[in-house]
N, C-alpha and C. Protein backbone atom coordinates (compact mmCIF):
# COMPACT_ATOMS: atom_id res chain seq x y z
N MET A 1 191.43 100.65 197.34
CA MET A 1 192.72 100.56 198.05
C MET A 1 193.78 100.06 197.08
N SER A 2 194.90 100.75 197.02
CA SER A 2 195.96 100.40 196.07
C SER A 2 196.71 99.15 196.55
N ALA A 3 197.47 98.58 195.65
CA ALA A 3 198.26 97.38 195.99
C ALA A 3 199.25 97.70 197.10
N HIS A 4 199.83 98.90 197.06
CA HIS A 4 200.80 99.32 198.09
C HIS A 4 200.13 99.39 199.46
N GLU A 5 198.91 99.95 199.48
CA GLU A 5 198.16 100.05 200.75
C GLU A 5 197.78 98.67 201.28
N HIS A 6 197.39 97.78 200.34
CA HIS A 6 197.08 96.39 200.73
C HIS A 6 198.29 95.73 201.37
N MET A 7 199.45 95.97 200.78
CA MET A 7 200.70 95.39 201.29
C MET A 7 201.00 95.92 202.69
N GLU A 8 200.84 97.22 202.88
CA GLU A 8 201.09 97.84 204.19
C GLU A 8 200.13 97.30 205.23
N HIS A 9 198.87 97.17 204.83
CA HIS A 9 197.84 96.65 205.74
C HIS A 9 198.16 95.21 206.15
N ALA A 10 198.56 94.40 205.17
CA ALA A 10 198.91 92.99 205.44
C ALA A 10 200.11 92.90 206.37
N GLU A 11 201.11 93.77 206.14
CA GLU A 11 202.29 93.79 207.01
C GLU A 11 201.92 94.19 208.43
N HIS A 12 201.02 95.18 208.53
CA HIS A 12 200.57 95.66 209.85
C HIS A 12 199.84 94.54 210.61
N VAL A 13 198.96 93.82 209.88
CA VAL A 13 198.21 92.71 210.48
C VAL A 13 199.17 91.61 210.92
N GLU A 14 200.15 91.29 210.03
CA GLU A 14 201.13 90.24 210.36
C GLU A 14 201.95 90.62 211.59
N HIS A 15 202.33 91.88 211.66
CA HIS A 15 203.11 92.37 212.81
C HIS A 15 202.28 92.27 214.10
N ALA A 16 200.99 92.66 213.98
CA ALA A 16 200.09 92.60 215.15
C ALA A 16 199.91 91.16 215.62
N VAL A 17 199.74 90.24 214.67
CA VAL A 17 199.56 88.81 215.01
C VAL A 17 200.83 88.28 215.68
N HIS A 18 202.00 88.63 215.10
CA HIS A 18 203.28 88.19 215.67
C HIS A 18 203.46 88.74 217.09
N SER A 19 203.12 90.02 217.25
CA SER A 19 203.22 90.67 218.56
C SER A 19 202.27 90.02 219.57
N ASN A 20 201.06 89.73 219.12
CA ASN A 20 200.07 89.10 220.02
C ASN A 20 200.50 87.68 220.44
N LYS A 21 201.17 86.98 219.53
CA LYS A 21 201.69 85.64 219.87
C LYS A 21 202.73 85.74 220.99
N LYS A 22 203.60 86.76 220.87
CA LYS A 22 204.61 86.97 221.91
C LYS A 22 203.95 87.27 223.26
N ILE A 23 202.93 88.13 223.22
CA ILE A 23 202.23 88.50 224.46
C ILE A 23 201.51 87.28 225.04
N ALA A 24 200.90 86.49 224.17
CA ALA A 24 200.21 85.27 224.63
C ALA A 24 201.19 84.32 225.30
N LEU A 25 202.38 84.20 224.71
CA LEU A 25 203.41 83.34 225.30
C LEU A 25 203.86 83.90 226.65
N LEU A 26 204.04 85.22 226.73
CA LEU A 26 204.43 85.87 227.99
C LEU A 26 203.38 85.62 229.07
N ILE A 27 202.11 85.77 228.70
CA ILE A 27 201.01 85.54 229.66
C ILE A 27 201.02 84.09 230.14
N ALA A 28 201.24 83.15 229.20
CA ALA A 28 201.27 81.72 229.56
C ALA A 28 202.41 81.43 230.53
N VAL A 29 203.58 82.01 230.27
CA VAL A 29 204.74 81.79 231.15
C VAL A 29 204.49 82.39 232.53
N LEU A 30 203.94 83.63 232.56
CA LEU A 30 203.63 84.27 233.85
C LEU A 30 202.60 83.46 234.63
N ALA A 31 201.60 82.92 233.91
CA ALA A 31 200.56 82.10 234.56
C ALA A 31 201.17 80.82 235.15
N LEU A 32 202.14 80.24 234.43
CA LEU A 32 202.82 79.04 234.93
C LEU A 32 203.59 79.35 236.22
N PHE A 33 204.35 80.46 236.20
CA PHE A 33 205.10 80.85 237.39
C PHE A 33 204.16 81.22 238.55
N LEU A 34 203.03 81.81 238.21
CA LEU A 34 202.02 82.15 239.23
C LEU A 34 201.52 80.88 239.91
N ALA A 35 201.27 79.83 239.10
CA ALA A 35 200.81 78.55 239.67
C ALA A 35 201.85 77.98 240.63
N PHE A 36 203.14 78.08 240.24
CA PHE A 36 204.22 77.59 241.12
C PHE A 36 204.26 78.38 242.43
N SER A 37 204.22 79.71 242.31
CA SER A 37 204.33 80.55 243.52
C SER A 37 203.14 80.36 244.44
N GLU A 38 201.95 80.18 243.86
CA GLU A 38 200.74 79.94 244.67
C GLU A 38 200.84 78.61 245.41
N THR A 39 201.34 77.58 244.71
CA THR A 39 201.49 76.25 245.33
C THR A 39 202.52 76.29 246.46
N LEU A 40 203.66 76.93 246.19
CA LEU A 40 204.71 77.05 247.21
C LEU A 40 204.21 77.87 248.40
N GLY A 41 203.46 78.94 248.11
CA GLY A 41 202.91 79.79 249.18
C GLY A 41 201.95 79.03 250.06
N LYS A 42 201.07 78.23 249.44
CA LYS A 42 200.10 77.44 250.22
C LYS A 42 200.81 76.41 251.09
N SER A 43 201.85 75.78 250.53
CA SER A 43 202.63 74.80 251.28
C SER A 43 203.32 75.45 252.48
N ALA A 44 203.92 76.64 252.25
CA ALA A 44 204.61 77.36 253.34
C ALA A 44 203.62 77.80 254.41
N GLN A 45 202.43 78.23 253.98
CA GLN A 45 201.40 78.66 254.94
C GLN A 45 200.96 77.48 255.81
N THR A 46 200.75 76.32 255.20
CA THR A 46 200.35 75.12 255.94
C THR A 46 201.43 74.72 256.95
N SER A 47 202.70 74.79 256.52
CA SER A 47 203.82 74.47 257.41
C SER A 47 203.86 75.43 258.60
N ALA A 48 203.64 76.71 258.33
CA ALA A 48 203.67 77.72 259.39
C ALA A 48 202.58 77.46 260.43
N ILE A 49 201.39 77.09 259.95
CA ILE A 49 200.26 76.80 260.87
C ILE A 49 200.58 75.57 261.71
N THR A 50 201.09 74.52 261.05
CA THR A 50 201.44 73.26 261.75
C THR A 50 202.51 73.50 262.81
N ASP A 51 203.55 74.24 262.43
CA ASP A 51 204.64 74.52 263.38
C ASP A 51 204.19 75.44 264.51
N ASN A 52 203.24 76.32 264.23
CA ASN A 52 202.71 77.20 265.27
C ASN A 52 201.94 76.40 266.32
N VAL A 53 201.15 75.43 265.86
CA VAL A 53 200.41 74.55 266.78
C VAL A 53 201.39 73.74 267.62
N ALA A 54 202.44 73.20 266.96
CA ALA A 54 203.45 72.42 267.67
C ALA A 54 204.16 73.27 268.73
N THR A 55 204.49 74.51 268.38
CA THR A 55 205.15 75.43 269.32
C THR A 55 204.28 75.68 270.55
N ASN A 56 203.00 75.98 270.31
CA ASN A 56 202.07 76.24 271.42
C ASN A 56 201.92 75.02 272.33
N ASP A 57 201.82 73.83 271.71
CA ASP A 57 201.67 72.59 272.49
C ASP A 57 202.90 72.34 273.36
N LEU A 58 204.08 72.54 272.78
CA LEU A 58 205.32 72.28 273.51
C LEU A 58 205.50 73.26 274.67
N TRP A 59 205.18 74.55 274.45
CA TRP A 59 205.30 75.51 275.55
C TRP A 59 204.26 75.24 276.64
N ALA A 60 203.07 74.77 276.24
CA ALA A 60 202.04 74.42 277.24
C ALA A 60 202.51 73.23 278.08
N PHE A 61 203.13 72.24 277.42
CA PHE A 61 203.68 71.07 278.12
C PHE A 61 204.80 71.51 279.06
N PHE A 62 205.65 72.43 278.58
CA PHE A 62 206.74 72.98 279.39
C PHE A 62 206.19 73.65 280.66
N GLN A 63 205.13 74.44 280.51
CA GLN A 63 204.52 75.13 281.66
C GLN A 63 203.92 74.14 282.65
N ALA A 64 203.27 73.09 282.10
CA ALA A 64 202.69 72.06 282.97
C ALA A 64 203.77 71.36 283.79
N LYS A 65 204.89 71.04 283.13
CA LYS A 65 206.02 70.39 283.83
C LYS A 65 206.60 71.34 284.90
N THR A 66 206.67 72.63 284.56
CA THR A 66 207.20 73.61 285.51
C THR A 66 206.33 73.67 286.76
N ILE A 67 205.01 73.68 286.56
CA ILE A 67 204.07 73.73 287.70
C ILE A 67 204.22 72.49 288.57
N ARG A 68 204.26 71.32 287.93
CA ARG A 68 204.41 70.06 288.68
C ARG A 68 205.72 70.04 289.46
N MET A 69 206.79 70.45 288.79
CA MET A 69 208.10 70.46 289.43
C MET A 69 208.12 71.40 290.64
N THR A 70 207.53 72.58 290.48
CA THR A 70 207.48 73.57 291.57
C THR A 70 206.66 73.06 292.74
N VAL A 71 205.52 72.45 292.43
CA VAL A 71 204.65 71.89 293.49
C VAL A 71 205.39 70.81 294.27
N LEU A 72 206.05 69.90 293.55
CA LEU A 72 206.78 68.80 294.21
C LEU A 72 207.94 69.33 295.06
N ARG A 73 208.68 70.28 294.54
CA ARG A 73 209.82 70.81 295.30
C ARG A 73 209.35 71.58 296.54
N THR A 74 208.26 72.30 296.41
CA THR A 74 207.70 73.02 297.56
C THR A 74 207.23 72.03 298.62
N ALA A 75 206.54 70.98 298.16
CA ALA A 75 206.06 69.94 299.09
C ALA A 75 207.23 69.24 299.77
N ALA A 76 208.30 68.98 299.00
CA ALA A 76 209.48 68.31 299.55
C ALA A 76 210.15 69.20 300.61
N GLU A 77 210.20 70.49 300.37
CA GLU A 77 210.79 71.43 301.33
C GLU A 77 209.97 71.47 302.63
N GLN A 78 208.63 71.47 302.47
CA GLN A 78 207.75 71.46 303.65
C GLN A 78 207.94 70.18 304.46
N MET A 79 208.03 69.06 303.71
CA MET A 79 208.19 67.77 304.39
C MET A 79 209.56 67.66 305.06
N GLN A 80 210.56 68.32 304.47
CA GLN A 80 211.90 68.31 305.04
C GLN A 80 211.89 68.97 306.43
N ILE A 81 211.11 70.03 306.55
CA ILE A 81 210.97 70.70 307.86
C ILE A 81 210.37 69.74 308.88
N GLU A 82 209.32 69.00 308.43
CA GLU A 82 208.69 68.00 309.31
C GLU A 82 209.69 66.92 309.70
N ALA A 83 210.48 66.46 308.70
CA ALA A 83 211.46 65.39 308.96
C ALA A 83 212.53 65.85 309.93
N ASP A 84 212.95 67.10 309.80
CA ASP A 84 213.97 67.64 310.70
C ASP A 84 213.49 67.69 312.15
N HIS A 85 212.17 67.87 312.34
CA HIS A 85 211.61 67.98 313.69
C HIS A 85 211.01 66.67 314.20
N ALA A 86 211.05 65.63 313.36
CA ALA A 86 210.45 64.35 313.77
C ALA A 86 211.32 63.66 314.81
N ALA A 87 210.69 63.26 315.92
CA ALA A 87 211.41 62.57 317.00
C ALA A 87 211.48 61.08 316.73
N ASN A 88 210.44 60.57 316.08
CA ASN A 88 210.35 59.13 315.79
C ASN A 88 211.26 58.80 314.59
N ALA A 89 212.19 57.88 314.79
CA ALA A 89 213.16 57.52 313.75
C ALA A 89 212.49 56.88 312.54
N ASP A 90 211.47 56.03 312.81
CA ASP A 90 210.74 55.36 311.71
C ASP A 90 210.01 56.39 310.85
N LEU A 91 209.34 57.35 311.51
CA LEU A 91 208.63 58.41 310.80
C LEU A 91 209.61 59.25 309.98
N LYS A 92 210.75 59.58 310.60
CA LYS A 92 211.76 60.39 309.92
C LYS A 92 212.28 59.67 308.67
N ALA A 93 212.48 58.36 308.77
CA ALA A 93 212.97 57.57 307.63
C ALA A 93 211.96 57.56 306.48
N ARG A 94 210.65 57.41 306.87
CA ARG A 94 209.60 57.40 305.85
C ARG A 94 209.48 58.76 305.16
N LEU A 95 209.57 59.81 305.96
CA LEU A 95 209.50 61.17 305.40
C LEU A 95 210.68 61.43 304.46
N THR A 96 211.87 61.01 304.88
CA THR A 96 213.08 61.20 304.07
C THR A 96 212.98 60.44 302.75
N LYS A 97 212.40 59.23 302.81
CA LYS A 97 212.22 58.42 301.60
C LYS A 97 211.28 59.12 300.62
N THR A 98 210.19 59.67 301.14
CA THR A 98 209.22 60.40 300.30
C THR A 98 209.85 61.64 299.70
N ILE A 99 210.64 62.35 300.53
CA ILE A 99 211.32 63.56 300.05
C ILE A 99 212.26 63.22 298.90
N ASP A 100 213.01 62.11 299.06
CA ASP A 100 213.94 61.69 298.00
C ASP A 100 213.20 61.36 296.71
N ALA A 101 212.07 60.66 296.85
CA ALA A 101 211.28 60.28 295.67
C ALA A 101 210.74 61.53 294.96
N TRP A 102 210.23 62.48 295.73
CA TRP A 102 209.68 63.71 295.15
C TRP A 102 210.78 64.55 294.49
N THR A 103 211.95 64.59 295.13
CA THR A 103 213.07 65.36 294.58
C THR A 103 213.54 64.76 293.26
N LYS A 104 213.61 63.41 293.21
CA LYS A 104 214.02 62.74 291.97
C LYS A 104 213.01 62.99 290.85
N THR A 105 211.71 62.94 291.22
CA THR A 105 210.67 63.19 290.22
C THR A 105 210.74 64.62 289.70
N ALA A 106 210.96 65.58 290.62
CA ALA A 106 211.09 66.99 290.23
C ALA A 106 212.30 67.19 289.31
N ASP A 107 213.40 66.50 289.63
CA ASP A 107 214.60 66.58 288.79
C ASP A 107 214.33 66.01 287.40
N ARG A 108 213.53 64.91 287.38
CA ARG A 108 213.18 64.29 286.10
C ARG A 108 212.30 65.22 285.26
N TYR A 109 211.39 65.93 285.93
CA TYR A 109 210.55 66.90 285.21
C TYR A 109 211.41 68.00 284.58
N ASP A 110 212.50 68.34 285.26
CA ASP A 110 213.37 69.40 284.77
C ASP A 110 214.26 68.94 283.62
N ASP A 111 214.78 67.72 283.71
CA ASP A 111 215.73 67.24 282.71
C ASP A 111 215.56 65.74 282.52
N GLU A 112 215.05 65.35 281.36
CA GLU A 112 214.79 63.93 281.09
C GLU A 112 215.16 63.59 279.64
N PRO A 113 216.48 63.41 279.38
CA PRO A 113 216.92 63.15 278.00
C PRO A 113 216.37 61.84 277.42
N SER A 114 216.11 60.86 278.27
CA SER A 114 215.66 59.55 277.77
C SER A 114 214.32 59.65 277.03
N SER A 115 213.39 60.45 277.57
CA SER A 115 212.07 60.59 276.92
C SER A 115 211.99 61.86 276.07
N ASN A 116 212.98 62.75 276.23
CA ASN A 116 212.99 64.04 275.53
C ASN A 116 211.82 64.94 275.96
N GLU A 117 211.34 64.71 277.21
CA GLU A 117 210.17 65.45 277.69
C GLU A 117 210.41 66.19 279.00
N GLY A 118 211.67 66.39 279.35
CA GLY A 118 211.98 67.25 280.50
C GLY A 118 211.82 68.71 280.08
N ARG A 119 211.81 69.61 281.07
CA ARG A 119 211.65 71.04 280.76
C ARG A 119 212.72 71.54 279.80
N LYS A 120 213.96 71.13 280.04
CA LYS A 120 215.07 71.57 279.18
C LYS A 120 214.86 71.09 277.74
N GLN A 121 214.47 69.84 277.59
CA GLN A 121 214.25 69.27 276.26
C GLN A 121 213.02 69.91 275.58
N LEU A 122 211.96 70.13 276.35
CA LEU A 122 210.75 70.75 275.79
C LEU A 122 211.02 72.17 275.32
N ALA A 123 211.81 72.92 276.11
CA ALA A 123 212.15 74.30 275.73
C ALA A 123 212.94 74.30 274.42
N GLU A 124 213.88 73.37 274.29
CA GLU A 124 214.70 73.28 273.07
C GLU A 124 213.83 72.92 271.87
N ARG A 125 212.93 71.94 272.06
CA ARG A 125 212.03 71.53 270.97
C ARG A 125 211.10 72.67 270.56
N ALA A 126 210.61 73.42 271.55
CA ALA A 126 209.71 74.55 271.27
C ALA A 126 210.43 75.63 270.47
N LYS A 127 211.69 75.88 270.82
CA LYS A 127 212.49 76.89 270.09
C LYS A 127 212.74 76.45 268.65
N GLN A 128 212.98 75.16 268.47
CA GLN A 128 213.19 74.63 267.11
C GLN A 128 211.91 74.77 266.28
N ALA A 129 210.76 74.48 266.91
CA ALA A 129 209.47 74.62 266.22
C ALA A 129 209.20 76.09 265.88
N GLU A 130 209.58 76.99 266.79
CA GLU A 130 209.43 78.43 266.53
C GLU A 130 210.28 78.85 265.32
N HIS A 131 211.51 78.33 265.28
CA HIS A 131 212.41 78.66 264.16
C HIS A 131 211.81 78.18 262.84
N LYS A 132 211.28 76.95 262.83
CA LYS A 132 210.67 76.40 261.62
C LYS A 132 209.45 77.22 261.20
N ARG A 133 208.66 77.65 262.20
CA ARG A 133 207.47 78.48 261.92
C ARG A 133 207.88 79.81 261.28
N GLU A 134 208.91 80.46 261.85
CA GLU A 134 209.36 81.76 261.32
C GLU A 134 209.92 81.61 259.90
N LEU A 135 210.60 80.50 259.66
CA LEU A 135 211.15 80.23 258.32
C LEU A 135 210.03 80.05 257.31
N ALA A 136 209.01 79.27 257.69
CA ALA A 136 207.87 79.03 256.80
C ALA A 136 207.11 80.33 256.53
N LEU A 137 206.95 81.16 257.56
CA LEU A 137 206.26 82.45 257.39
C LEU A 137 207.03 83.37 256.45
N ALA A 138 208.36 83.41 256.62
CA ALA A 138 209.19 84.24 255.74
C ALA A 138 209.06 83.78 254.29
N ARG A 139 209.07 82.45 254.09
CA ARG A 139 208.90 81.90 252.74
C ARG A 139 207.54 82.29 252.18
N TYR A 140 206.51 82.14 253.01
CA TYR A 140 205.14 82.47 252.58
C TYR A 140 205.04 83.91 252.10
N HIS A 141 205.64 84.84 252.84
CA HIS A 141 205.58 86.26 252.47
C HIS A 141 206.28 86.52 251.14
N GLN A 142 207.42 85.85 250.90
CA GLN A 142 208.13 86.02 249.63
C GLN A 142 207.28 85.50 248.47
N TYR A 143 206.65 84.33 248.67
CA TYR A 143 205.82 83.76 247.60
C TYR A 143 204.59 84.61 247.33
N GLU A 144 204.05 85.25 248.37
CA GLU A 144 202.89 86.13 248.19
C GLU A 144 203.27 87.33 247.32
N ILE A 145 204.44 87.91 247.58
CA ILE A 145 204.90 89.05 246.78
C ILE A 145 205.14 88.60 245.33
N ALA A 146 205.74 87.40 245.18
CA ALA A 146 205.98 86.86 243.83
C ALA A 146 204.67 86.68 243.08
N SER A 147 203.66 86.14 243.76
CA SER A 147 202.35 85.92 243.13
C SER A 147 201.73 87.24 242.69
N ALA A 148 201.84 88.25 243.54
CA ALA A 148 201.30 89.57 243.21
C ALA A 148 202.00 90.14 241.97
N ALA A 149 203.33 89.97 241.90
CA ALA A 149 204.09 90.46 240.74
C ALA A 149 203.64 89.75 239.46
N PHE A 150 203.45 88.43 239.53
CA PHE A 150 203.00 87.67 238.34
C PHE A 150 201.59 88.08 237.93
N GLN A 151 200.71 88.28 238.91
CA GLN A 151 199.32 88.66 238.60
C GLN A 151 199.27 90.03 237.92
N ILE A 152 200.02 90.99 238.45
CA ILE A 152 200.04 92.34 237.85
C ILE A 152 200.67 92.26 236.45
N GLY A 153 201.71 91.42 236.33
CA GLY A 153 202.35 91.23 235.02
C GLY A 153 201.37 90.70 233.98
N ILE A 154 200.52 89.75 234.37
CA ILE A 154 199.51 89.19 233.46
C ILE A 154 198.51 90.27 233.04
N VAL A 155 198.10 91.08 234.01
CA VAL A 155 197.15 92.17 233.71
C VAL A 155 197.76 93.16 232.72
N LEU A 156 199.02 93.56 232.94
CA LEU A 156 199.69 94.51 232.05
C LEU A 156 199.89 93.93 230.64
N ALA A 157 200.26 92.64 230.57
CA ALA A 157 200.44 91.99 229.26
C ALA A 157 199.11 91.95 228.51
N SER A 158 198.04 91.66 229.24
CA SER A 158 196.70 91.64 228.62
C SER A 158 196.33 93.04 228.12
N ALA A 159 196.71 94.04 228.90
CA ALA A 159 196.41 95.43 228.52
C ALA A 159 197.16 95.82 227.25
N GLU A 160 198.35 95.24 227.05
CA GLU A 160 199.10 95.56 225.82
C GLU A 160 198.37 95.07 224.57
N VAL A 161 197.73 93.91 224.69
CA VAL A 161 196.97 93.37 223.55
C VAL A 161 195.88 94.36 223.13
N ILE A 162 195.24 94.98 224.13
CA ILE A 162 194.14 95.91 223.86
C ILE A 162 194.66 97.26 223.37
N THR A 163 195.69 97.77 224.06
CA THR A 163 196.16 99.14 223.76
C THR A 163 197.25 99.20 222.70
N GLY A 164 197.99 98.10 222.56
CA GLY A 164 199.11 98.09 221.61
C GLY A 164 200.34 98.81 222.13
N MET A 165 200.33 99.18 223.43
CA MET A 165 201.48 99.87 224.03
C MET A 165 202.57 98.87 224.41
N ALA A 166 203.67 98.90 223.66
CA ALA A 166 204.77 97.94 223.88
C ALA A 166 205.37 98.07 225.28
N ALA A 167 205.32 99.29 225.84
CA ALA A 167 205.90 99.52 227.18
C ALA A 167 205.23 98.64 228.24
N LEU A 168 203.94 98.38 228.05
CA LEU A 168 203.22 97.52 229.02
C LEU A 168 203.78 96.09 228.99
N GLY A 169 204.12 95.62 227.79
CA GLY A 169 204.70 94.28 227.65
C GLY A 169 206.07 94.19 228.33
N TRP A 170 206.90 95.23 228.13
CA TRP A 170 208.21 95.26 228.78
C TRP A 170 208.06 95.30 230.31
N LEU A 171 207.11 96.12 230.77
CA LEU A 171 206.87 96.22 232.22
C LEU A 171 206.37 94.89 232.78
N SER A 172 205.52 94.23 232.00
CA SER A 172 205.02 92.91 232.39
C SER A 172 206.17 91.91 232.55
N GLY A 173 207.08 91.90 231.56
CA GLY A 173 208.25 91.01 231.62
C GLY A 173 209.13 91.32 232.81
N LEU A 174 209.30 92.61 233.11
CA LEU A 174 210.11 93.04 234.25
C LEU A 174 209.50 92.55 235.57
N LEU A 175 208.17 92.66 235.66
CA LEU A 175 207.48 92.16 236.86
C LEU A 175 207.63 90.64 236.99
N GLY A 176 207.63 89.96 235.85
CA GLY A 176 207.85 88.50 235.86
C GLY A 176 209.22 88.16 236.44
N ILE A 177 210.24 88.94 236.03
CA ILE A 177 211.60 88.72 236.55
C ILE A 177 211.64 89.00 238.05
N CYS A 178 210.96 90.08 238.47
CA CYS A 178 210.89 90.40 239.91
C CYS A 178 210.22 89.26 240.69
N GLY A 179 209.14 88.74 240.11
CA GLY A 179 208.43 87.62 240.75
C GLY A 179 209.33 86.40 240.91
N LEU A 180 210.11 86.12 239.87
CA LEU A 180 211.07 85.00 239.95
C LEU A 180 212.11 85.24 241.03
N GLY A 181 212.53 86.51 241.14
CA GLY A 181 213.49 86.87 242.19
C GLY A 181 212.95 86.59 243.58
N PHE A 182 211.69 86.96 243.80
CA PHE A 182 211.08 86.72 245.12
C PHE A 182 210.86 85.23 245.37
N MET A 183 210.55 84.48 244.30
CA MET A 183 210.43 83.02 244.46
C MET A 183 211.77 82.42 244.87
N ALA A 184 212.84 82.90 244.24
CA ALA A 184 214.20 82.41 244.56
C ALA A 184 214.55 82.75 246.01
N LEU A 185 214.19 83.96 246.44
CA LEU A 185 214.43 84.34 247.84
C LEU A 185 213.68 83.41 248.79
N GLY A 186 212.42 83.14 248.46
CA GLY A 186 211.61 82.25 249.29
C GLY A 186 212.19 80.86 249.40
N LEU A 187 212.76 80.37 248.31
CA LEU A 187 213.33 79.01 248.30
C LEU A 187 214.66 78.93 249.04
N TRP A 188 215.54 79.93 248.83
CA TRP A 188 216.92 79.80 249.32
C TRP A 188 217.30 80.75 250.45
N VAL A 189 216.82 81.99 250.41
CA VAL A 189 217.17 82.94 251.49
C VAL A 189 215.92 83.72 251.94
N PRO A 190 214.97 83.03 252.56
CA PRO A 190 213.70 83.67 252.91
C PRO A 190 213.80 84.86 253.85
N HIS A 191 214.88 84.92 254.66
CA HIS A 191 215.01 86.03 255.62
C HIS A 191 215.82 87.21 255.07
N ALA A 192 216.19 87.14 253.79
CA ALA A 192 217.06 88.17 253.20
C ALA A 192 216.46 89.57 253.34
N LEU A 193 215.18 89.73 253.04
CA LEU A 193 214.55 91.06 253.12
C LEU A 193 214.51 91.56 254.56
N ASP A 194 214.26 90.64 255.51
CA ASP A 194 214.24 91.02 256.93
C ASP A 194 215.59 91.59 257.35
N PHE A 195 216.67 90.91 256.91
CA PHE A 195 218.02 91.38 257.24
C PHE A 195 218.27 92.77 256.67
N LEU A 196 217.84 92.96 255.39
CA LEU A 196 218.04 94.26 254.74
C LEU A 196 217.25 95.36 255.44
N LEU A 197 216.01 95.04 255.82
CA LEU A 197 215.16 96.03 256.50
C LEU A 197 215.73 96.39 257.87
N HIS A 198 216.20 95.37 258.61
CA HIS A 198 216.80 95.63 259.93
C HIS A 198 218.10 96.41 259.81
N ALA A 199 218.89 96.07 258.79
CA ALA A 199 220.16 96.77 258.57
C ALA A 199 219.90 98.23 258.21
N GLY A 200 218.84 98.46 257.42
CA GLY A 200 218.51 99.81 257.01
C GLY A 200 217.96 100.66 258.14
N SER A 201 217.32 100.00 259.12
CA SER A 201 216.71 100.75 260.23
C SER A 201 217.75 101.16 261.28
N HIS A 202 218.95 100.51 261.25
CA HIS A 202 219.99 100.84 262.26
C HIS A 202 220.95 101.89 261.72
C-alpha cells in the first residue's frame, strides 16, 4: 500500500470515528429525552388513574345523596297528606314538625356549602376531577408519542453506525425534534392536537 493510500485510509478511519462520535452523542441525547418523556408519561398516567377514581367516588356520593333526598321528599309529601287530614291538633303538630325536619334535611342533601358535600357541591367537584383526568390523559398521550419518536430516532441513529447512511442520522435528529415538540405540547398545551383534529373534522 502506497503512502498516499495509507493517508486516504487514515483520513477515512478518522472521518468514520468522528462521525460515530456524533452519532453516539445523538443517541445519548435522544436517550436522555426518552427518559424525561417516559417519566412525565408515567406521572401523567398515575394522575389520570387517581383523578378517575376520585371522579367515580364523587359521582357515586352524588347519586347516594340524590336517592336519600328523593326518599325524604317523597316521605314528607306522603306525611303532608296525613297531616292535612289529621283531626287531632297534637298529631298534626307532630307530623308537621317531622315534615319540616325531613324537608330541611333534603334541602341540606341538595345544597350544603359548609361541608362541601351537598349534591350541587359534589357535582361541581366531580366535574373538576373529570377535567383534571382529561388533562392528565391528554398529557399522557403526548408523552407517549414523544417517547415513540425518541425510540425510533435511537434505532435509526444506531442503524447509521452500521450502514453509514447519513440520511438515517438526519432522520433520527428530525424525530428527536418532533419528540421534543410533543413533550412541549404535553407540558403546555396538551389539548392542542384534539382542537386541531376537531377543527379539521368540521
